[in-house]
PDB file of N, CA and C in Angstrom:
ATOM      1  N   MET A   1       1.885  12.373  23.959  1.00  0.00           N
ATOM      2  CA  MET A   1       2.274  10.978  23.988  1.00  0.00           C
ATOM      3  C   MET A   1       2.231  10.505  25.430  1.00  0.00           C
ATOM      4  N   ASN A   2       1.405   9.505  25.681  1.00  0.00           N
ATOM      5  CA  ASN A   2       1.222   8.974  27.025  1.00  0.00           C
ATOM      6  C   ASN A   2       1.748   7.541  27.048  1.00  0.00           C
ATOM      7  N   ILE A   3       2.806   7.307  27.825  1.00  0.00           N
ATOM      8  CA  ILE A   3       3.456   6.000  27.870  1.00  0.00           C
ATOM      9  C   ILE A   3       3.558   5.539  29.319  1.00  0.00           C
ATOM     10  N   ALA A   4       3.209   4.262  29.534  1.00  0.00           N
ATOM     11  CA  ALA A   4       3.356   3.648  30.858  1.00  0.00           C
ATOM     12  C   ALA A   4       4.225   2.404  30.704  1.00  0.00           C
ATOM     13  N   ILE A   5       5.399   2.436  31.288  1.00  0.00           N
ATOM     14  CA  ILE A   5       6.335   1.318  31.211  1.00  0.00           C
ATOM     15  C   ILE A   5       6.197   0.479  32.473  1.00  0.00           C
ATOM     16  N   SER A   6       6.112  -0.833  32.286  1.00  0.00           N
ATOM     17  CA  SER A   6       6.033  -1.755  33.417  1.00  0.00           C
ATOM     18  C   SER A   6       7.314  -2.574  33.477  1.00  0.00           C
ATOM     19  N   ASN A   7       8.053  -2.416  34.558  1.00  0.00           N
ATOM     20  CA  ASN A   7       9.282  -3.190  34.731  1.00  0.00           C
ATOM     21  C   ASN A   7       8.984  -4.633  35.118  1.00  0.00           C
ATOM     22  N   SER A   8       7.738  -4.920  35.537  1.00  0.00           N
ATOM     23  CA  SER A   8       7.379  -6.275  35.936  1.00  0.00           C
ATOM     24  C   SER A   8       6.738  -7.080  34.796  1.00  0.00           C
ATOM     25  N   SER A   9       6.570  -6.444  33.632  1.00  0.00           N
ATOM     26  CA  SER A   9       5.964  -7.116  32.487  1.00  0.00           C
ATOM     27  C   SER A   9       6.931  -8.125  31.877  1.00  0.00           C
ATOM     28  N   ASP A  10       6.365  -9.168  31.279  1.00  0.00           N
ATOM     29  CA  ASP A  10       7.179 -10.141  30.552  1.00  0.00           C
ATOM     30  C   ASP A  10       7.682  -9.565  29.231  1.00  0.00           C
ATOM     31  N   LYS A  11       7.008  -8.511  28.741  1.00  0.00           N
ATOM     32  CA  LYS A  11       7.393  -7.907  27.466  1.00  0.00           C
ATOM     33  C   LYS A  11       8.611  -7.013  27.666  1.00  0.00           C
ATOM     34  N   PRO A  12       9.536  -7.072  26.723  1.00  0.00           N
ATOM     35  CA  PRO A  12      10.677  -6.147  26.791  1.00  0.00           C
ATOM     36  C   PRO A  12      10.184  -4.694  26.748  1.00  0.00           C
ATOM     37  N   ILE A  13      10.930  -3.810  27.353  1.00  0.00           N
ATOM     38  CA  ILE A  13      10.520  -2.410  27.434  1.00  0.00           C
ATOM     39  C   ILE A  13      10.384  -1.787  26.046  1.00  0.00           C
ATOM     40  N   TYR A  14      11.308  -2.112  25.131  1.00  0.00           N
ATOM     41  CA  TYR A  14      11.194  -1.532  23.788  1.00  0.00           C
ATOM     42  C   TYR A  14       9.877  -1.965  23.134  1.00  0.00           C
ATOM     43  N   GLN A  15       9.442  -3.210  23.399  1.00  0.00           N
ATOM     44  CA  GLN A  15       8.196  -3.715  22.826  1.00  0.00           C
ATOM     45  C   GLN A  15       6.991  -2.988  23.434  1.00  0.00           C
ATOM     46  N   GLN A  16       7.034  -2.727  24.731  1.00  0.00           N
ATOM     47  CA  GLN A  16       5.969  -1.964  25.377  1.00  0.00           C
ATOM     48  C   GLN A  16       5.863  -0.578  24.750  1.00  0.00           C
ATOM     49  N   LEU A  17       7.005   0.055  24.570  1.00  0.00           N
ATOM     50  CA  LEU A  17       7.060   1.389  23.978  1.00  0.00           C
ATOM     51  C   LEU A  17       6.529   1.362  22.544  1.00  0.00           C
ATOM     52  N   PHE A  18       6.997   0.408  21.755  1.00  0.00           N
ATOM     53  CA  PHE A  18       6.534   0.254  20.371  1.00  0.00           C
ATOM     54  C   PHE A  18       5.022   0.056  20.323  1.00  0.00           C
ATOM     55  N   GLU A  19       4.508  -0.856  21.132  1.00  0.00           N
ATOM     56  CA  GLU A  19       3.078  -1.170  21.093  1.00  0.00           C
ATOM     57  C   GLU A  19       2.218   0.027  21.498  1.00  0.00           C
ATOM     58  N   GLN A  20       2.633   0.746  22.525  1.00  0.00           N
ATOM     59  CA  GLN A  20       1.841   1.882  22.983  1.00  0.00           C
ATOM     60  C   GLN A  20       1.847   3.025  21.965  1.00  0.00           C
ATOM     61  N   ILE A  21       2.996   3.320  21.394  1.00  0.00           N
ATOM     62  CA  ILE A  21       3.057   4.397  20.406  1.00  0.00           C
ATOM     63  C   ILE A  21       2.326   3.993  19.129  1.00  0.00           C
ATOM     64  N   SER A  22       2.517   2.751  18.674  1.00  0.00           N
ATOM     65  CA  SER A  22       1.824   2.330  17.455  1.00  0.00           C
ATOM     66  C   SER A  22       0.315   2.353  17.666  1.00  0.00           C
ATOM     67  N   ALA A  23      -0.154   1.960  18.836  1.00  0.00           N
ATOM     68  CA  ALA A  23      -1.598   2.017  19.120  1.00  0.00           C
ATOM     69  C   ALA A  23      -2.093   3.456  19.095  1.00  0.00           C
ATOM     70  N   GLN A  24      -1.322   4.373  19.665  1.00  0.00           N
ATOM     71  CA  GLN A  24      -1.723   5.785  19.669  1.00  0.00           C
ATOM     72  C   GLN A  24      -1.755   6.348  18.250  1.00  0.00           C
ATOM     73  N   ILE A  25      -0.830   5.915  17.417  1.00  0.00           N
ATOM     74  CA  ILE A  25      -0.814   6.368  16.020  1.00  0.00           C
ATOM     75  C   ILE A  25      -2.036   5.820  15.291  1.00  0.00           C
ATOM     76  N   LEU A  26      -2.278   4.517  15.435  1.00  0.00           N
ATOM     77  CA  LEU A  26      -3.357   3.872  14.687  1.00  0.00           C
ATOM     78  C   LEU A  26      -4.744   4.259  15.182  1.00  0.00           C
ATOM     79  N   LYS A  27      -4.836   4.770  16.414  1.00  0.00           N
ATOM     80  CA  LYS A  27      -6.123   5.279  16.910  1.00  0.00           C
ATOM     81  C   LYS A  27      -6.301   6.754  16.583  1.00  0.00           C
ATOM     82  N   GLY A  28      -5.270   7.367  16.005  1.00  0.00           N
ATOM     83  CA  GLY A  28      -5.356   8.774  15.644  1.00  0.00           C
ATOM     84  C   GLY A  28      -5.017   9.726  16.773  1.00  0.00           C
ATOM     85  N   GLU A  29      -4.551   9.197  17.889  1.00  0.00           N
ATOM     86  CA  GLU A  29      -4.178  10.049  19.028  1.00  0.00           C
ATOM     87  C   GLU A  29      -2.891  10.826  18.746  1.00  0.00           C
ATOM     88  N   LEU A  30      -2.027  10.246  17.939  1.00  0.00           N
ATOM     89  CA  LEU A  30      -0.821  10.934  17.472  1.00  0.00           C
ATOM     90  C   LEU A  30      -1.015  11.154  15.979  1.00  0.00           C
ATOM     91  N   PRO A  31      -1.341  12.362  15.571  1.00  0.00           N
ATOM     92  CA  PRO A  31      -1.696  12.615  14.171  1.00  0.00           C
ATOM     93  C   PRO A  31      -0.490  12.612  13.240  1.00  0.00           C
ATOM     94  N   SER A  32      -0.767  12.502  11.956  1.00  0.00           N
ATOM     95  CA  SER A  32       0.281  12.595  10.939  1.00  0.00           C
ATOM     96  C   SER A  32       1.086  13.862  11.151  1.00  0.00           C
ATOM     97  N   GLY A  33       2.401  13.738  11.058  1.00  0.00           N
ATOM     98  CA  GLY A  33       3.273  14.885  11.224  1.00  0.00           C
ATOM     99  C   GLY A  33       3.656  15.158  12.666  1.00  0.00           C
ATOM    100  N   TYR A  34       3.045  14.459  13.614  1.00  0.00           N
ATOM    101  CA  TYR A  34       3.390  14.652  15.025  1.00  0.00           C
ATOM    102  C   TYR A  34       4.867  14.335  15.221  1.00  0.00           C
ATOM    103  N   SER A  35       5.557  15.195  15.945  1.00  0.00           N
ATOM    104  CA  SER A  35       6.984  15.035  16.194  1.00  0.00           C
ATOM    105  C   SER A  35       7.205  14.243  17.479  1.00  0.00           C
ATOM    106  N   LEU A  36       7.789  13.054  17.342  1.00  0.00           N
ATOM    107  CA  LEU A  36       8.146  12.283  18.526  1.00  0.00           C
ATOM    108  C   LEU A  36       9.302  12.977  19.227  1.00  0.00           C
ATOM    109  N   PRO A  37       9.375  12.824  20.536  1.00  0.00           N
ATOM    110  CA  PRO A  37      10.512  13.447  21.228  1.00  0.00           C
ATOM    111  C   PRO A  37      11.820  12.804  20.784  1.00  0.00           C
ATOM    112  N   PRO A  38      12.910  13.557  20.835  1.00  0.00           N
ATOM    113  CA  PRO A  38      14.209  12.965  20.507  1.00  0.00           C
ATOM    114  C   PRO A  38      14.473  11.754  21.395  1.00  0.00           C
ATOM    115  N   ILE A  39      15.241  10.815  20.889  1.00  0.00           N
ATOM    116  CA  ILE A  39      15.509   9.565  21.600  1.00  0.00           C
ATOM    117  C   ILE A  39      16.045   9.818  23.003  1.00  0.00           C
ATOM    118  N   ARG A  40      17.017  10.707  23.119  1.00  0.00           N
ATOM    119  CA  ARG A  40      17.612  10.974  24.441  1.00  0.00           C
ATOM    120  C   ARG A  40      16.599  11.583  25.407  1.00  0.00           C
ATOM    121  N   GLN A  41      15.774  12.480  24.911  1.00  0.00           N
ATOM    122  CA  GLN A  41      14.757  13.103  25.749  1.00  0.00           C
ATOM    123  C   GLN A  41      13.728  12.065  26.212  1.00  0.00           C
ATOM    124  N   ALA A  42      13.273  11.212  25.303  1.00  0.00           N
ATOM    125  CA  ALA A  42      12.297  10.172  25.663  1.00  0.00           C
ATOM    126  C   ALA A  42      12.893   9.222  26.694  1.00  0.00           C
ATOM    127  N   ALA A  43      14.159   8.850  26.502  1.00  0.00           N
ATOM    128  CA  ALA A  43      14.822   7.956  27.455  1.00  0.00           C
ATOM    129  C   ALA A  43      14.903   8.595  28.839  1.00  0.00           C
ATOM    130  N   LEU A  44      15.241   9.857  28.882  1.00  0.00           N
ATOM    131  CA  LEU A  44      15.346  10.571  30.148  1.00  0.00           C
ATOM    132  C   LEU A  44      13.985  10.656  30.834  1.00  0.00           C
ATOM    133  N   GLU A  45      12.956  11.049  30.089  1.00  0.00           N
ATOM    134  CA  GLU A  45      11.621  11.196  30.666  1.00  0.00           C
ATOM    135  C   GLU A  45      11.038   9.868  31.140  1.00  0.00           C
ATOM    136  N   LEU A  46      11.312   8.800  30.392  1.00  0.00           N
ATOM    137  CA  LEU A  46      10.773   7.480  30.749  1.00  0.00           C
ATOM    138  C   LEU A  46      11.691   6.707  31.696  1.00  0.00           C
ATOM    139  N   ARG A  47      12.884   7.258  31.912  1.00  0.00           N
ATOM    140  CA  ARG A  47      13.883   6.637  32.776  1.00  0.00           C
ATOM    141  C   ARG A  47      14.260   5.243  32.280  1.00  0.00           C
ATOM    142  N   ILE A  48      14.533   5.191  30.984  1.00  0.00           N
ATOM    143  CA  ILE A  48      14.976   3.953  30.353  1.00  0.00           C
ATOM    144  C   ILE A  48      16.197   4.249  29.488  1.00  0.00           C
ATOM    145  N   SER A  49      16.794   3.212  28.978  1.00  0.00           N
ATOM    146  CA  SER A  49      18.013   3.335  28.178  1.00  0.00           C
ATOM    147  C   SER A  49      17.745   3.998  26.827  1.00  0.00           C
ATOM    148  N   VAL A  50      18.713   4.770  26.375  1.00  0.00           N
ATOM    149  CA  VAL A  50      18.664   5.368  25.036  1.00  0.00           C
ATOM    150  C   VAL A  50      18.580   4.255  23.982  1.00  0.00           C
ATOM    151  N   ILE A  51      19.295   3.166  24.206  1.00  0.00           N
ATOM    152  CA  ILE A  51      19.291   2.041  23.274  1.00  0.00           C
ATOM    153  C   ILE A  51      17.883   1.442  23.160  1.00  0.00           C
ATOM    154  N   THR A  52      17.171   1.380  24.266  1.00  0.00           N
ATOM    155  CA  THR A  52      15.810   0.835  24.279  1.00  0.00           C
ATOM    156  C   THR A  52      14.872   1.711  23.453  1.00  0.00           C
ATOM    157  N   VAL A  53      14.962   3.015  23.639  1.00  0.00           N
ATOM    158  CA  VAL A  53      14.120   3.944  22.871  1.00  0.00           C
ATOM    159  C   VAL A  53      14.486   3.859  21.392  1.00  0.00           C
ATOM    160  N   LYS A  54      15.783   3.827  21.114  1.00  0.00           N
ATOM    161  CA  LYS A  54      16.244   3.743  19.718  1.00  0.00           C
ATOM    162  C   LYS A  54      15.682   2.501  19.045  1.00  0.00           C
ATOM    163  N   LYS A  55      15.661   1.384  19.754  1.00  0.00           N
ATOM    164  CA  LYS A  55      15.141   0.135  19.194  1.00  0.00           C
ATOM    165  C   LYS A  55      13.643   0.263  18.887  1.00  0.00           C
ATOM    166  N   ALA A  56      12.895   0.896  19.794  1.00  0.00           N
ATOM    167  CA  ALA A  56      11.456   1.092  19.575  1.00  0.00           C
ATOM    168  C   ALA A  56      11.220   2.010  18.381  1.00  0.00           C
ATOM    169  N   TRP A  57      11.986   3.109  18.286  1.00  0.00           N
ATOM    170  CA  TRP A  57      11.840   4.055  17.167  1.00  0.00           C
ATOM    171  C   TRP A  57      12.173   3.354  15.857  1.00  0.00           C
ATOM    172  N   GLU A  58      13.227   2.527  15.857  1.00  0.00           N
ATOM    173  CA  GLU A  58      13.602   1.794  14.637  1.00  0.00           C
ATOM    174  C   GLU A  58      12.489   0.841  14.209  1.00  0.00           C
ATOM    175  N   GLU A  59      11.858   0.191  15.170  1.00  0.00           N
ATOM    176  CA  GLU A  59      10.757  -0.730  14.854  1.00  0.00           C
ATOM    177  C   GLU A  59       9.554   0.037  14.309  1.00  0.00           C
ATOM    178  N   LEU A  60       9.266   1.195  14.878  1.00  0.00           N
ATOM    179  CA  LEU A  60       8.176   2.036  14.372  1.00  0.00           C
ATOM    180  C   LEU A  60       8.460   2.464  12.935  1.00  0.00           C
ATOM    181  N   GLU A  61       9.712   2.796  12.661  1.00  0.00           N
ATOM    182  CA  GLU A  61      10.073   3.212  11.309  1.00  0.00           C
ATOM    183  C   GLU A  61      10.042   2.026  10.343  1.00  0.00           C
ATOM    184  N   ARG A  62      10.519   0.871  10.791  1.00  0.00           N
ATOM    185  CA  ARG A  62      10.496  -0.329   9.955  1.00  0.00           C
ATOM    186  C   ARG A  62       9.064  -0.689   9.548  1.00  0.00           C
ATOM    187  N   CYS A  63       8.120  -0.452  10.449  1.00  0.00           N
ATOM    188  CA  CYS A  63       6.710  -0.750  10.168  1.00  0.00           C
ATOM    189  C   CYS A  63       6.033   0.360   9.366  1.00  0.00           C
ATOM    190  N   GLY A  64       6.758   1.440   9.115  1.00  0.00           N
ATOM    191  CA  GLY A  64       6.200   2.533   8.321  1.00  0.00           C
ATOM    192  C   GLY A  64       5.307   3.477   9.097  1.00  0.00           C
ATOM    193  N   LEU A  65       5.352   3.396  10.424  1.00  0.00           N
ATOM    194  CA  LEU A  65       4.496   4.261  11.236  1.00  0.00           C
ATOM    195  C   LEU A  65       5.097   5.642  11.455  1.00  0.00           C
ATOM    196  N   ILE A  66       6.424   5.721  11.417  1.00  0.00           N
ATOM    197  CA  ILE A  66       7.100   7.007  11.542  1.00  0.00           C
ATOM    198  C   ILE A  66       8.169   7.097  10.458  1.00  0.00           C
ATOM    199  N   HIS A  67       8.663   8.312  10.239  1.00  0.00           N
ATOM    200  CA  HIS A  67       9.797   8.504   9.341  1.00  0.00           C
ATOM    201  C   HIS A  67      10.742   9.510   9.986  1.00  0.00           C
ATOM    202  N   THR A  68      11.998   9.392   9.629  1.00  0.00           N
ATOM    203  CA  THR A  68      13.026  10.254  10.197  1.00  0.00           C
ATOM    204  C   THR A  68      13.444  11.289   9.169  1.00  0.00           C
ATOM    205  N   VAL A  69      13.555  12.524   9.615  1.00  0.00           N
ATOM    206  CA  VAL A  69      14.095  13.599   8.795  1.00  0.00           C
ATOM    207  C   VAL A  69      15.427  13.970   9.437  1.00  0.00           C
ATOM    208  N   THR A  70      16.500  13.739   8.711  1.00  0.00           N
ATOM    209  CA  THR A  70      17.840  13.977   9.245  1.00  0.00           C
ATOM    210  C   THR A  70      17.960  15.400   9.781  1.00  0.00           C
ATOM    211  N   GLY A  71      18.417  15.486  11.013  1.00  0.00           N
ATOM    212  CA  GLY A  71      18.617  16.780  11.657  1.00  0.00           C
ATOM    213  C   GLY A  71      17.358  17.393  12.245  1.00  0.00           C
ATOM    214  N   LYS A  72      16.199  16.785  12.006  1.00  0.00           N
ATOM    215  CA  LYS A  72      14.943  17.349  12.519  1.00  0.00           C
ATOM    216  C   LYS A  72      14.221  16.418  13.474  1.00  0.00           C
ATOM    217  N   GLY A  73      14.347  15.108  13.282  1.00  0.00           N
ATOM    218  CA  GLY A  73      13.718  14.168  14.192  1.00  0.00           C
ATOM    219  C   GLY A  73      12.818  13.162  13.511  1.00  0.00           C
ATOM    220  N   CYS A  74      11.995  12.522  14.338  1.00  0.00           N
ATOM    221  CA  CYS A  74      11.085  11.479  13.866  1.00  0.00           C
ATOM    222  C   CYS A  74       9.651  11.987  13.922  1.00  0.00           C
ATOM    223  N   PHE A  75       8.897  11.687  12.865  1.00  0.00           N
ATOM    224  CA  PHE A  75       7.536  12.188  12.718  1.00  0.00           C
ATOM    225  C   PHE A  75       6.590  11.052  12.349  1.00  0.00           C
ATOM    226  N   VAL A  76       5.354  11.166  12.814  1.00  0.00           N
ATOM    227  CA  VAL A  76       4.335  10.194  12.460  1.00  0.00           C
ATOM    228  C   VAL A  76       4.067  10.312  10.962  1.00  0.00           C
ATOM    229  N   ALA A  77       4.041   9.166  10.296  1.00  0.00           N
ATOM    230  CA  ALA A  77       3.810   9.125   8.854  1.00  0.00           C
ATOM    231  C   ALA A  77       2.367   9.511   8.538  1.00  0.00           C
ATOM    232  N   GLU A  78       2.150   9.897   7.288  1.00  0.00           N
ATOM    233  CA  GLU A  78       0.797  10.237   6.836  1.00  0.00           C
ATOM    234  C   GLU A  78       0.119   8.983   6.311  1.00  0.00           C
ATOM    235  N   PHE A  79      -1.132   8.802   6.721  1.00  0.00           N
ATOM    236  CA  PHE A  79      -1.912   7.642   6.314  1.00  0.00           C
ATOM    237  C   PHE A  79      -3.295   8.071   5.887  1.00  0.00           C
ATOM    238  N   SER A  80      -3.815   7.372   4.889  1.00  0.00           N
ATOM    239  CA  SER A  80      -5.236   7.521   4.570  1.00  0.00           C
ATOM    240  C   SER A  80      -5.986   6.673   5.600  1.00  0.00           C
ATOM    241  N   PRO A  81      -7.266   6.936   5.798  1.00  0.00           N
ATOM    242  CA  PRO A  81      -8.039   6.106   6.735  1.00  0.00           C
ATOM    243  C   PRO A  81      -7.971   4.617   6.377  1.00  0.00           C
ATOM    244  N   ASP A  82      -7.985   4.298   5.081  1.00  0.00           N
ATOM    245  CA  ASP A  82      -7.904   2.891   4.657  1.00  0.00           C
ATOM    246  C   ASP A  82      -6.556   2.270   5.027  1.00  0.00           C
ATOM    247  N   GLU A  83      -5.477   3.047   4.860  1.00  0.00           N
ATOM    248  CA  GLU A  83      -4.145   2.550   5.223  1.00  0.00           C
ATOM    249  C   GLU A  83      -4.059   2.292   6.720  1.00  0.00           C
ATOM    250  N   MET A  84      -4.629   3.203   7.512  1.00  0.00           N
ATOM    251  CA  MET A  84      -4.599   3.029   8.965  1.00  0.00           C
ATOM    252  C   MET A  84      -5.322   1.747   9.366  1.00  0.00           C
ATOM    253  N   LEU A  85      -6.464   1.499   8.762  1.00  0.00           N
ATOM    254  CA  LEU A  85      -7.211   0.273   9.067  1.00  0.00           C
ATOM    255  C   LEU A  85      -6.431  -0.970   8.656  1.00  0.00           C
ATOM    256  N   ARG A  86      -5.790  -0.919   7.488  1.00  0.00           N
ATOM    257  CA  ARG A  86      -5.009  -2.056   7.012  1.00  0.00           C
ATOM    258  C   ARG A  86      -3.841  -2.347   7.951  1.00  0.00           C
ATOM    259  N   ILE A  87      -3.127  -1.312   8.345  1.00  0.00           N
ATOM    260  CA  ILE A  87      -1.984  -1.488   9.244  1.00  0.00           C
ATOM    261  C   ILE A  87      -2.453  -1.979  10.605  1.00  0.00           C
ATOM    262  N   ARG A  88      -3.549  -1.401  11.097  1.00  0.00           N
ATOM    263  CA  ARG A  88      -4.098  -1.835  12.386  1.00  0.00           C
ATOM    264  C   ARG A  88      -4.462  -3.317  12.331  1.00  0.00           C
ATOM    265  N   ASP A  89      -5.169  -3.711  11.275  1.00  0.00           N
ATOM    266  CA  ASP A  89      -5.602  -5.102  11.156  1.00  0.00           C
ATOM    267  C   ASP A  89      -4.417  -6.052  11.035  1.00  0.00           C
ATOM    268  N   GLU A  90      -3.379  -5.653  10.291  1.00  0.00           N
ATOM    269  CA  GLU A  90      -2.180  -6.490  10.169  1.00  0.00           C
ATOM    270  C   GLU A  90      -1.483  -6.638  11.523  1.00  0.00           C
ATOM    271  N   THR A  91      -1.374  -5.540  12.250  1.00  0.00           N
ATOM    272  CA  THR A  91      -0.713  -5.552  13.548  1.00  0.00           C
ATOM    273  C   THR A  91      -1.469  -6.440  14.531  1.00  0.00           C
ATOM    274  N   VAL A  92      -2.776  -6.266  14.573  1.00  0.00           N
ATOM    275  CA  VAL A  92      -3.604  -7.045  15.491  1.00  0.00           C
ATOM    276  C   VAL A  92      -3.597  -8.523  15.088  1.00  0.00           C
ATOM    277  N   SER A  93      -3.641  -8.794  13.799  1.00  0.00           N
ATOM    278  CA  SER A  93      -3.638 -10.187  13.321  1.00  0.00           C
ATOM    279  C   SER A  93      -2.363 -10.917  13.726  1.00  0.00           C
ATOM    280  N   LYS A  94      -1.226 -10.229  13.652  1.00  0.00           N
ATOM    281  CA  LYS A  94       0.042 -10.847  14.067  1.00  0.00           C
ATOM    282  C   LYS A  94      -0.012 -11.242  15.541  1.00  0.00           C
ATOM    283  N   GLN A  95      -0.512 -10.334  16.368  1.00  0.00           N
ATOM    284  CA  GLN A  95      -0.599 -10.628  17.797  1.00  0.00           C
ATOM    285  C   GLN A  95      -1.615 -11.730  18.061  1.00  0.00           C
ATOM    286  N   MET A  96      -2.728 -11.708  17.344  1.00  0.00           N
ATOM    287  CA  MET A  96      -3.753 -12.732  17.531  1.00  0.00           C
ATOM    288  C   MET A  96      -3.224 -14.119  17.161  1.00  0.00           C
ATOM    289  N   ALA A  97      -2.372 -14.207  16.147  1.00  0.00           N
ATOM    290  CA  ALA A  97      -1.791 -15.497  15.770  1.00  0.00           C
ATOM    291  C   ALA A  97      -0.930 -16.045  16.909  1.00  0.00           C
ATOM    292  N   ILE A  98      -0.171 -15.171  17.547  1.00  0.00           N
ATOM    293  CA  ILE A  98       0.648 -15.575  18.698  1.00  0.00           C
ATOM    294  C   ILE A  98      -0.257 -16.019  19.840  1.00  0.00           C
ATOM    295  N   ASP A  99      -1.288 -15.214  20.115  1.00  0.00           N
ATOM    296  CA  ASP A  99      -2.216 -15.540  21.196  1.00  0.00           C
ATOM    297  C   ASP A  99      -2.964 -16.839  20.926  1.00  0.00           C
ATOM    298  N   ALA A 100      -3.380 -17.040  19.675  1.00  0.00           N
ATOM    299  CA  ALA A 100      -4.126 -18.253  19.315  1.00  0.00           C
ATOM    300  C   ALA A 100      -3.278 -19.499  19.573  1.00  0.00           C
ATOM    301  N   ALA A 101      -2.014 -19.444  19.224  1.00  0.00           N
ATOM    302  CA  ALA A 101      -1.127 -20.583  19.464  1.00  0.00           C
ATOM    303  C   ALA A 101      -1.024 -20.868  20.962  1.00  0.00           C
ATOM    304  N   TYR A 102      -0.966 -19.817  21.752  1.00  0.00           N
ATOM    305  CA  TYR A 102      -0.897 -19.968  23.216  1.00  0.00           C
ATOM    306  C   TYR A 102      -2.161 -20.641  23.741  1.00  0.00           C
ATOM    307  N   TYR A 103      -3.316 -20.169  23.293  1.00  0.00           N
ATOM    308  CA  TYR A 103      -4.593 -20.745  23.747  1.00  0.00           C
ATOM    309  C   TYR A 103      -4.725 -22.192  23.300  1.00  0.00           C
ATOM    310  N   GLN A 104      -4.282 -22.482  22.094  1.00  0.00           N
ATOM    311  CA  GLN A 104      -4.352 -23.852  21.595  1.00  0.00           C
ATOM    312  C   GLN A 104      -3.469 -24.788  22.408  1.00  0.00           C
ATOM    313  N   SER A 105      -2.368 -24.255  22.953  1.00  0.00           N
ATOM    314  CA  SER A 105      -1.485 -25.093  23.767  1.00  0.00           C
ATOM    315  C   SER A 105      -2.181 -25.572  25.034  1.00  0.00           C
ATOM    316  N   PHE A 106      -3.261 -24.887  25.435  1.00  0.00           N
ATOM    317  CA  PHE A 106      -4.065 -25.303  26.580  1.00  0.00           C
ATOM    318  C   PHE A 106      -5.248 -26.176  26.156  1.00  0.00           C
ATOM    319  N   GLY A 107      -5.368 -26.406  24.864  1.00  0.00           N
ATOM    320  CA  GLY A 107      -6.450 -27.230  24.362  1.00  0.00           C
ATOM    321  C   GLY A 107      -7.781 -26.511  24.263  1.00  0.00           C
ATOM    322  N   LEU A 108      -7.767 -25.168  24.282  1.00  0.00           N
ATOM    323  CA  LEU A 108      -9.010 -24.409  24.212  1.00  0.00           C
ATOM    324  C   LEU A 108      -9.542 -24.381  22.785  1.00  0.00           C
ATOM    325  N   THR A 109     -10.854 -24.480  22.656  1.00  0.00           N
ATOM    326  CA  THR A 109     -11.494 -24.326  21.355  1.00  0.00           C
ATOM    327  C   THR A 109     -11.722 -22.841  21.099  1.00  0.00           C
ATOM    328  N   LEU A 110     -12.042 -22.499  19.857  1.00  0.00           N
ATOM    329  CA  LEU A 110     -12.337 -21.103  19.520  1.00  0.00           C
ATOM    330  C   LEU A 110     -13.518 -20.596  20.344  1.00  0.00           C
ATOM    331  N   ASP A 111     -14.546 -21.402  20.497  1.00  0.00           N
ATOM    332  CA  ASP A 111     -15.714 -20.991  21.291  1.00  0.00           C
ATOM    333  C   ASP A 111     -15.324 -20.702  22.743  1.00  0.00           C
ATOM    334  N   GLU A 112     -14.449 -21.518  23.307  1.00  0.00           N
ATOM    335  CA  GLU A 112     -14.007 -21.305  24.688  1.00  0.00           C
ATOM    336  C   GLU A 112     -13.199 -20.008  24.797  1.00  0.00           C
ATOM    337  N   VAL A 113     -12.363 -19.763  23.809  1.00  0.00           N
ATOM    338  CA  VAL A 113     -11.568 -18.532  23.808  1.00  0.00           C
ATOM    339  C   VAL A 113     -12.491 -17.318  23.723  1.00  0.00           C
ATOM    340  N   VAL A 114     -13.482 -17.379  22.845  1.00  0.00           N
ATOM    341  CA  VAL A 114     -14.428 -16.267  22.695  1.00  0.00           C
ATOM    342  C   VAL A 114     -15.163 -16.023  24.004  1.00  0.00           C
ATOM    343  N   GLU A 115     -15.609 -17.067  24.668  1.00  0.00           N
ATOM    344  CA  GLU A 115     -16.318 -16.905  25.947  1.00  0.00           C
ATOM    345  C   GLU A 115     -15.416 -16.296  27.010  1.00  0.00           C
ATOM    346  N   LEU A 116     -14.172 -16.755  27.071  1.00  0.00           N
ATOM    347  CA  LEU A 116     -13.224 -16.175  28.027  1.00  0.00           C
ATOM    348  C   LEU A 116     -12.948 -14.706  27.702  1.00  0.00           C
ATOM    349  N   MET A 117     -12.821 -14.397  26.415  1.00  0.00           N
ATOM    350  CA  MET A 117     -12.559 -13.028  25.991  1.00  0.00           C
ATOM    351  C   MET A 117     -13.721 -12.122  26.384  1.00  0.00           C
ATOM    352  N   LYS A 118     -14.929 -12.599  26.237  1.00  0.00           N
ATOM    353  CA  LYS A 118     -16.108 -11.806  26.608  1.00  0.00           C
ATOM    354  C   LYS A 118     -16.086 -11.441  28.095  1.00  0.00           C
ATOM    355  N   LYS A 119     -15.532 -12.316  28.922  1.00  0.00           N
ATOM    356  CA  LYS A 119     -15.468 -12.073  30.360  1.00  0.00           C
ATOM    357  C   LYS A 119     -14.451 -10.987  30.727  1.00  0.00           C
ATOM    358  N   VAL A 120     -13.389 -10.896  29.940  1.00  0.00           N
ATOM    359  CA  VAL A 120     -12.327  -9.962  30.302  1.00  0.00           C
ATOM    360  C   VAL A 120     -12.291  -8.699  29.464  1.00  0.00           C
ATOM    361  N   TYR A 121     -13.012  -8.698  28.342  1.00  0.00           N
ATOM    362  CA  TYR A 121     -12.977  -7.543  27.447  1.00  0.00           C
ATOM    363  C   TYR A 121     -13.859  -6.432  28.016  1.00  0.00           C
ATOM    364  N   PRO A 122     -13.280  -5.241  28.216  1.00  0.00           N
ATOM    365  CA  PRO A 122     -14.102  -4.149  28.787  1.00  0.00           C
ATOM    366  C   PRO A 122     -15.187  -3.707  27.817  1.00  0.00           C
ATOM    367  N   ASP A 123     -16.344  -3.424  28.368  1.00  0.00           N
ATOM    368  CA  ASP A 123     -17.467  -2.968  27.537  1.00  0.00           C
ATOM    369  C   ASP A 123     -17.315  -1.533  27.112  1.00  0.00           C
TER     370      ASP A 123
END
């Protein structure tokens, strides 16, 4: 599990943690059954609050990406390839809706957004 927390980001730390872990799960970098570190251990290693890690883990579980086994810890849920694609698309669509509203507030058209995206999207 590779996590980079930015204290200067506008996103809350729990959201950064949630997004990075969910992306790693949906890309297959964290396979089904992978054991996430205990909340206290993750907080210590990342130098963040236990409450922050707990909130991220709860959000991952609420989204069905992980499950908790009492007394054993949190594990990446099992997904079929189709389920992974569906969850990925739902997750990305939610963020795109937020982003689209932001771009529209500047009066950008879809074509303008696509052109700007092409400039910043890594090849």
